[in-house]
Amino acid sequence: MLNSMKGNALFKISSSNLLFEERSIEEAIKHNVALKNKRITNHYRVLFFAMYKHSPQLALKLFTIAHRTMVWFRDQAFPVRK
């Protein structure tokens, strides 16, 4: 899907090197969950940018620690088996 002028320009530049076919918007919506459902607001993103506006370094530190902690817990709960 071409959603912007930049995307359209990039497509025109690279289209000679791509295999593509035009499809209907109905087909795209049918097979793409992101086009079907309303986007859900991530409250952590809103909080991060509110904090970042006042103290960028503190926001980055806190959210980096929070992210690493969540990843650690996820990895402990759902270890990847090879």
Protein backbone atom coordinates (compact mmCIF):
# COMPACT_ATOMS: atom_id res chain seq x y z
CA MET A 1 0.00 0.00 0.00
CA LEU A 2 1.20 3.46 -0.84
CA ASN A 3 0.13 5.71 2.02
CA SER A 4 2.21 8.81 1.47
CA MET A 5 3.87 10.95 -1.17
CA LYS A 6 7.28 9.65 -0.07
CA GLY A 7 6.08 6.05 -0.33
CA ASN A 8 4.68 6.71 -3.79
CA ALA A 9 7.94 8.34 -4.92
CA LEU A 10 10.01 5.45 -3.57
CA PHE A 11 7.74 2.96 -5.29
CA LYS A 12 8.09 4.76 -8.64
CA ILE A 13 11.88 4.78 -8.31
CA SER A 14 12.14 1.09 -7.39
CA SER A 15 9.16 -0.42 -9.26
CA SER A 16 11.28 -1.54 -12.22
CA ASN A 17 13.14 -3.85 -9.81
CA LEU A 18 10.03 -5.28 -8.12
CA LEU A 19 7.37 -7.84 -8.90
CA PHE A 20 3.99 -6.44 -7.88
CA GLU A 21 0.33 -6.50 -8.72
CA GLU A 22 -2.51 -4.15 -7.94
CA ARG A 23 -5.15 -5.47 -5.54
CA SER A 24 -8.39 -4.06 -4.19
CA ILE A 25 -8.60 -2.24 -0.86
CA GLU A 26 -11.26 -4.75 0.22
CA GLU A 27 -8.78 -7.59 -0.21
CA ALA A 28 -6.12 -5.69 1.71
CA ILE A 29 -8.53 -5.05 4.60
CA LYS A 30 -9.67 -8.68 4.61
CA HIS A 31 -6.13 -9.98 5.12
CA ASN A 32 -4.60 -7.25 7.28
CA VAL A 33 -5.59 -7.07 10.94
CA ALA A 34 -4.07 -3.59 11.33
CA LEU A 35 -6.45 -2.25 8.68
CA LYS A 36 -9.47 -3.94 10.29
CA ASN A 37 -9.07 -2.88 13.91
CA LYS A 38 -8.77 0.48 15.55
CA ARG A 39 -5.27 1.22 16.80
CA ILE A 40 -4.89 0.86 20.56
CA THR A 41 -3.08 3.68 22.37
CA ASN A 42 -0.01 2.49 24.25
CA HIS A 43 -0.22 4.23 27.62
CA TYR A 44 3.49 3.69 28.28
CA ARG A 45 4.29 5.65 25.12
CA VAL A 46 2.14 8.56 26.28
CA LEU A 47 3.81 8.47 29.72
CA PHE A 48 7.30 8.26 28.19
CA PHE A 49 6.81 11.35 26.02
CA ALA A 50 5.25 13.30 28.89
CA MET A 51 8.31 12.49 31.02
CA TYR A 52 10.70 13.04 28.12
CA LYS A 53 9.38 16.57 27.62
CA HIS A 54 10.51 17.52 31.15
CA SER A 55 13.56 15.30 31.65
CA PRO A 56 14.82 13.36 28.59
CA GLN A 57 17.68 11.60 30.38
CA LEU A 58 15.52 10.46 33.29
CA ALA A 59 12.79 9.20 30.95
CA LEU A 60 15.32 7.23 28.89
CA LYS A 61 16.91 5.70 32.00
CA LEU A 62 13.61 4.71 33.62
CA PHE A 63 12.09 3.23 30.49
CA THR A 64 15.30 1.39 29.59
CA ILE A 65 15.36 -0.21 33.04
CA ALA A 66 11.63 -1.04 32.80
CA HIS A 67 12.07 -2.57 29.35
CA ARG A 68 15.04 -4.68 30.39
CA THR A 69 13.12 -5.89 33.45
CA MET A 70 10.08 -6.88 31.35
CA VAL A 71 12.30 -8.70 28.84
CA TRP A 72 14.06 -10.56 31.66
CA PHE A 73 10.73 -11.68 33.17
CA ARG A 74 9.44 -12.72 29.74
CA ASP A 75 12.57 -14.75 29.09
CA GLN A 76 12.29 -16.43 32.49
CA ALA A 77 8.63 -17.29 31.97
CA PHE A 78 8.96 -18.32 28.31
CA PRO A 79 12.51 -19.51 27.67
CA VAL A 80 13.51 -20.12 24.07
CA ARG A 81 14.40 -23.75 23.54
CA LYS A 82 16.81 -24.70 20.79
